[in-house]
Amino acid sequence: MARYSKASSRKVKRAMHERKSGTLRSGRSGKKVTSRKQAIAIGLSEARRSGAHVPARSRGKSAKKKSAAARRGARRSSRSG
């Protein structure tokens, strides 16, 4: 399983606490964050920015499909020519 540093878990814990108390705000828009997943994402991004050890982001299924389709398309275009 992925290993997170203690500093990153502290950032996530703080973000979750702020969300629960209703004071966690999102970046540019400044809207109140109510989603648990979004609070975790904010905590992890802050940890990354501060230099704490956070495993690399996992790529979603759609990103994998897109990259595979792009590779197939690149192969096809290189053959015809």
C-alpha atoms as a PDB file:
ATOM      1  CA  MET A   1       0.000   0.000   0.000  1.00  0.00           C
ATOM      2  CA  ALA A   2       1.119   3.584  -0.646  1.00  0.00           C
ATOM      3  CA  ARG A   3       3.040   5.324   2.142  1.00  0.00           C
ATOM      4  CA  TYR A   4       2.197   8.886   3.159  1.00  0.00           C
ATOM      5  CA  SER A   5       4.361  11.025   5.436  1.00  0.00           C
ATOM      6  CA  LYS A   6       3.169  12.207   8.836  1.00  0.00           C
ATOM      7  CA  ALA A   7       3.224  15.788   7.584  1.00  0.00           C
ATOM      8  CA  SER A   8       0.810  14.910   4.777  1.00  0.00           C
ATOM      9  CA  SER A   9      -1.568  13.170   7.166  1.00  0.00           C
ATOM     10  CA  ARG A  10      -1.524  16.268   9.406  1.00  0.00           C
ATOM     11  CA  LYS A  11      -2.463  18.471   6.422  1.00  0.00           C
ATOM     12  CA  VAL A  12      -5.345  16.163   5.502  1.00  0.00           C
ATOM     13  CA  LYS A  13      -6.494  16.016   9.126  1.00  0.00           C
ATOM     14  CA  ARG A  14      -6.529  19.825   9.311  1.00  0.00           C
ATOM     15  CA  ALA A  15      -8.468  20.099   6.039  1.00  0.00           C
ATOM     16  CA  MET A  16     -11.027  17.557   7.254  1.00  0.00           C
ATOM     17  CA  HIS A  17     -11.429  19.432  10.525  1.00  0.00           C
ATOM     18  CA  GLU A  18     -11.974  22.712   8.660  1.00  0.00           C
ATOM     19  CA  ARG A  19     -14.539  21.064   6.402  1.00  0.00           C
ATOM     20  CA  LYS A  20     -16.418  19.736   9.407  1.00  0.00           C
ATOM     21  CA  SER A  21     -16.475  23.160  11.046  1.00  0.00           C
ATOM     22  CA  GLY A  22     -17.529  24.765   7.736  1.00  0.00           C
ATOM     23  CA  THR A  23     -14.470  26.987   7.248  1.00  0.00           C
ATOM     24  CA  LEU A  24     -12.706  25.080   4.439  1.00  0.00           C
ATOM     25  CA  ARG A  25     -12.836  27.022   1.175  1.00  0.00           C
ATOM     26  CA  SER A  26     -11.772  25.998  -2.312  1.00  0.00           C
ATOM     27  CA  GLY A  27      -9.062  27.787  -4.288  1.00  0.00           C
ATOM     28  CA  ARG A  28     -10.022  30.589  -6.647  1.00  0.00           C
ATOM     29  CA  SER A  29     -13.786  30.555  -6.245  1.00  0.00           C
ATOM     30  CA  GLY A  30     -13.636  30.547  -2.460  1.00  0.00           C
ATOM     31  CA  LYS A  31     -16.767  28.406  -2.237  1.00  0.00           C
ATOM     32  CA  LYS A  32     -17.341  26.351   0.879  1.00  0.00           C
ATOM     33  CA  VAL A  33     -16.131  22.763   0.589  1.00  0.00           C
ATOM     34  CA  THR A  34     -18.658  20.165   1.749  1.00  0.00           C
ATOM     35  CA  SER A  35     -17.306  17.091  -0.028  1.00  0.00           C
ATOM     36  CA  ARG A  36     -15.134  14.703   1.979  1.00  0.00           C
ATOM     37  CA  LYS A  37     -13.161  13.699  -1.116  1.00  0.00           C
ATOM     38  CA  GLN A  38     -12.492  17.314  -2.025  1.00  0.00           C
ATOM     39  CA  ALA A  39     -11.236  18.030   1.508  1.00  0.00           C
ATOM     40  CA  ILE A  40      -8.787  15.124   1.221  1.00  0.00           C
ATOM     41  CA  ALA A  41      -7.640  16.372  -2.185  1.00  0.00           C
ATOM     42  CA  ILE A  42      -7.033  19.869  -0.795  1.00  0.00           C
ATOM     43  CA  GLY A  43      -5.024  18.466   2.131  1.00  0.00           C
ATOM     44  CA  LEU A  44      -2.878  16.306  -0.168  1.00  0.00           C
ATOM     45  CA  SER A  45      -2.218  19.127  -2.623  1.00  0.00           C
ATOM     46  CA  GLU A  46      -1.118  21.393   0.245  1.00  0.00           C
ATOM     47  CA  ALA A  47       1.168  18.616   1.482  1.00  0.00           C
ATOM     48  CA  ARG A  48       2.684  18.231  -1.995  1.00  0.00           C
ATOM     49  CA  ARG A  49       3.292  21.976  -2.183  1.00  0.00           C
ATOM     50  CA  SER A  50       5.020  21.990   1.202  1.00  0.00           C
ATOM     51  CA  GLY A  51       7.320  19.143   0.118  1.00  0.00           C
ATOM     52  CA  ALA A  52       5.872  16.305   2.205  1.00  0.00           C
ATOM     53  CA  HIS A  53       6.077  12.773   0.817  1.00  0.00           C
ATOM     54  CA  VAL A  54       2.836  11.988  -0.994  1.00  0.00           C
ATOM     55  CA  PRO A  55       2.616   9.124  -3.521  1.00  0.00           C
ATOM     56  CA  ALA A  56       1.953  10.104  -7.136  1.00  0.00           C
ATOM     57  CA  ARG A  57      -1.626  10.758  -8.165  1.00  0.00           C
ATOM     58  CA  SER A  58      -3.442   7.751  -9.554  1.00  0.00           C
ATOM     59  CA  ARG A  59      -4.622   8.186 -13.116  1.00  0.00           C
ATOM     60  CA  GLY A  60      -8.330   7.633 -13.669  1.00  0.00           C
ATOM     61  CA  LYS A  61      -9.784   5.088 -16.074  1.00  0.00           C
ATOM     62  CA  SER A  62     -10.750   7.732 -18.622  1.00  0.00           C
ATOM     63  CA  ALA A  63      -7.188   9.102 -18.730  1.00  0.00           C
ATOM     64  CA  LYS A  64      -5.826   5.613 -19.411  1.00  0.00           C
ATOM     65  CA  LYS A  65      -8.355   5.064 -22.197  1.00  0.00           C
ATOM     66  CA  LYS A  66      -7.563   8.424 -23.766  1.00  0.00           C
ATOM     67  CA  SER A  67      -3.819   7.813 -23.766  1.00  0.00           C
ATOM     68  CA  ALA A  68      -4.246   4.336 -25.275  1.00  0.00           C
ATOM     69  CA  ALA A  69      -6.524   5.731 -27.980  1.00  0.00           C
ATOM     70  CA  ALA A  70      -4.034   8.518 -28.689  1.00  0.00           C
ATOM     71  CA  ARG A  71      -1.234   5.973 -29.087  1.00  0.00           C
ATOM     72  CA  ARG A  72      -3.338   3.914 -31.510  1.00  0.00           C
ATOM     73  CA  GLY A  73      -4.181   7.041 -33.489  1.00  0.00           C
ATOM     74  CA  ALA A  74      -0.508   8.039 -33.656  1.00  0.00           C
ATOM     75  CA  ARG A  75       0.429   4.609 -34.975  1.00  0.00           C
ATOM     76  CA  ARG A  76      -2.206   4.761 -37.685  1.00  0.00           C
ATOM     77  CA  SER A  77      -1.179   8.191 -38.884  1.00  0.00           C
ATOM     78  CA  SER A  78       2.506   7.204 -39.044  1.00  0.00           C
ATOM     79  CA  ARG A  79       1.719   4.167 -41.232  1.00  0.00           C
ATOM     80  CA  SER A  80      -0.129   6.107 -43.899  1.00  0.00           C
ATOM     81  CA  GLY A  81       2.220   8.448 -45.529  1.00  0.00           C
END
